[in-house]
Amino acid sequence: MKNLVLGLAAALILAGFPQMAFGQCCGNCAKKGAVKKDVVANEICPVLGGKVSKDTPFTTVYEGKVIGFCCASCKEAFKKDLGKYIGKLEEELGEKEKE
């Protein structure tokens, strides 16, 4: 029984469960078509301020919204220091909701 539990825990870790549970997307859902690329909520990268393509492969999920980035480095920077970049993102998303 102990081996079964350990095996299940290892499988969840390898499948990316911690990232998904804490609002981070592993990206597999988009690759499999479960999340459409055109649902990227933002148009501006919250890290560098560049334009985000709607078909960007660099995404994560924040509060149920797919957030896009201009590059992999920006995605990682966002995940490492959410507090530093969240203000820019929330400002853009708030302005989009007013439109």
Protein backbone atom coordinates (compact mmCIF):
# COMPACT_ATOMS: atom_id res chain seq x y z
CA MET A 1 0.00 0.00 0.00
CA LYS A 2 2.84 2.37 0.86
CA ASN A 3 4.43 1.74 -2.55
CA LEU A 4 1.13 2.51 -4.27
CA VAL A 5 0.82 5.85 -2.48
CA LEU A 6 4.44 6.76 -3.24
CA GLY A 7 3.98 5.76 -6.87
CA LEU A 8 0.86 7.88 -7.18
CA ALA A 9 2.58 10.86 -5.58
CA ALA A 10 5.53 10.51 -7.97
CA ALA A 11 3.19 10.28 -10.96
CA LEU A 12 1.37 13.46 -9.92
CA ILE A 13 4.64 15.33 -9.50
CA LEU A 14 5.89 14.18 -12.89
CA ALA A 15 2.56 15.11 -14.48
CA GLY A 16 2.89 18.71 -13.26
CA PHE A 17 0.22 18.58 -10.56
CA PRO A 18 1.94 21.11 -8.22
CA GLN A 19 2.07 23.74 -10.96
CA MET A 20 -1.56 23.25 -11.90
CA ALA A 21 -2.72 23.19 -8.28
CA PHE A 22 -1.06 26.53 -7.58
CA GLY A 23 -2.31 28.33 -10.68
CA GLN A 24 0.56 27.52 -13.00
CA CYS A 25 0.01 25.78 -16.30
CA CYS A 26 2.36 23.05 -17.45
CA GLY A 27 1.47 23.82 -21.07
CA ASN A 28 0.32 20.31 -21.93
CA CYS A 29 -3.34 21.33 -21.99
CA ALA A 30 -2.68 23.86 -24.77
CA LYS A 31 -0.62 21.34 -26.73
CA LYS A 32 -3.47 18.85 -26.55
CA GLY A 33 -6.06 21.44 -27.58
CA ALA A 34 -7.77 21.65 -24.19
CA VAL A 35 -6.97 25.37 -23.98
CA LYS A 36 -7.24 27.45 -27.11
CA LYS A 37 -4.36 29.81 -27.78
CA ASP A 38 -6.74 32.64 -28.67
CA VAL A 39 -7.86 32.91 -25.05
CA VAL A 40 -4.65 34.65 -23.95
CA ALA A 41 -6.02 37.41 -21.73
CA ASN A 42 -3.25 39.98 -22.15
CA GLU A 43 -1.69 41.70 -25.14
CA ILE A 44 1.34 43.13 -23.33
CA CYS A 45 4.03 41.07 -21.60
CA PRO A 46 3.83 41.97 -17.89
CA VAL A 47 7.60 41.52 -17.52
CA LEU A 48 9.23 43.36 -20.45
CA GLY A 49 6.22 45.23 -21.83
CA GLY A 50 6.50 43.80 -25.35
CA LYS A 51 3.60 42.69 -27.51
CA VAL A 52 2.29 39.20 -26.79
CA SER A 53 1.19 37.11 -29.75
CA LYS A 54 -2.13 35.29 -29.35
CA ASP A 55 -0.36 32.08 -30.39
CA THR A 56 2.53 32.45 -27.95
CA PRO A 57 3.80 29.15 -26.57
CA PHE A 58 4.81 30.96 -23.35
CA THR A 59 1.76 30.96 -21.10
CA THR A 60 0.71 30.36 -17.53
CA VAL A 61 -2.63 30.49 -15.75
CA TYR A 62 -3.31 33.23 -13.21
CA GLU A 63 -6.70 33.45 -11.48
CA GLY A 64 -8.30 31.33 -14.20
CA LYS A 65 -6.95 33.42 -17.08
CA VAL A 66 -4.30 32.36 -19.59
CA ILE A 67 -1.48 34.88 -19.38
CA GLY A 68 0.93 35.18 -22.29
CA PHE A 69 4.56 36.25 -22.36
CA CYS A 70 6.90 37.35 -25.12
CA CYS A 71 9.52 34.71 -24.23
CA ALA A 72 10.35 31.84 -21.88
CA SER A 73 12.54 34.07 -19.70
CA CYS A 74 9.62 36.39 -18.99
CA LYS A 75 7.39 33.47 -18.06
CA GLU A 76 9.98 32.21 -15.58
CA ALA A 77 10.58 35.71 -14.15
CA PHE A 78 6.82 36.13 -13.63
CA LYS A 79 6.53 32.80 -11.84
CA LYS A 80 9.54 33.54 -9.60
CA ASP A 81 8.42 37.04 -8.55
CA LEU A 82 4.69 37.35 -9.10
CA GLY A 83 4.41 40.36 -6.80
CA LYS A 84 6.82 42.37 -8.93
CA TYR A 85 4.80 41.99 -12.14
CA ILE A 86 1.20 41.43 -11.11
CA GLY A 87 0.39 45.14 -10.91
CA LYS A 88 1.16 45.68 -14.60
CA LEU A 89 -0.92 42.65 -15.54
CA GLU A 90 -3.91 43.60 -13.40
CA GLU A 91 -3.79 47.16 -14.77
CA GLU A 92 -3.98 45.90 -18.36
CA LEU A 93 -6.71 43.36 -17.60
CA GLY A 94 -8.71 45.99 -15.70
CA GLU A 95 -8.53 48.39 -18.65
CA LYS A 96 -9.66 45.63 -21.03
CA GLU A 97 -12.70 44.90 -18.83
CA LYS A 98 -13.75 48.58 -19.03
CA GLU A 99 -13.84 48.44 -22.86
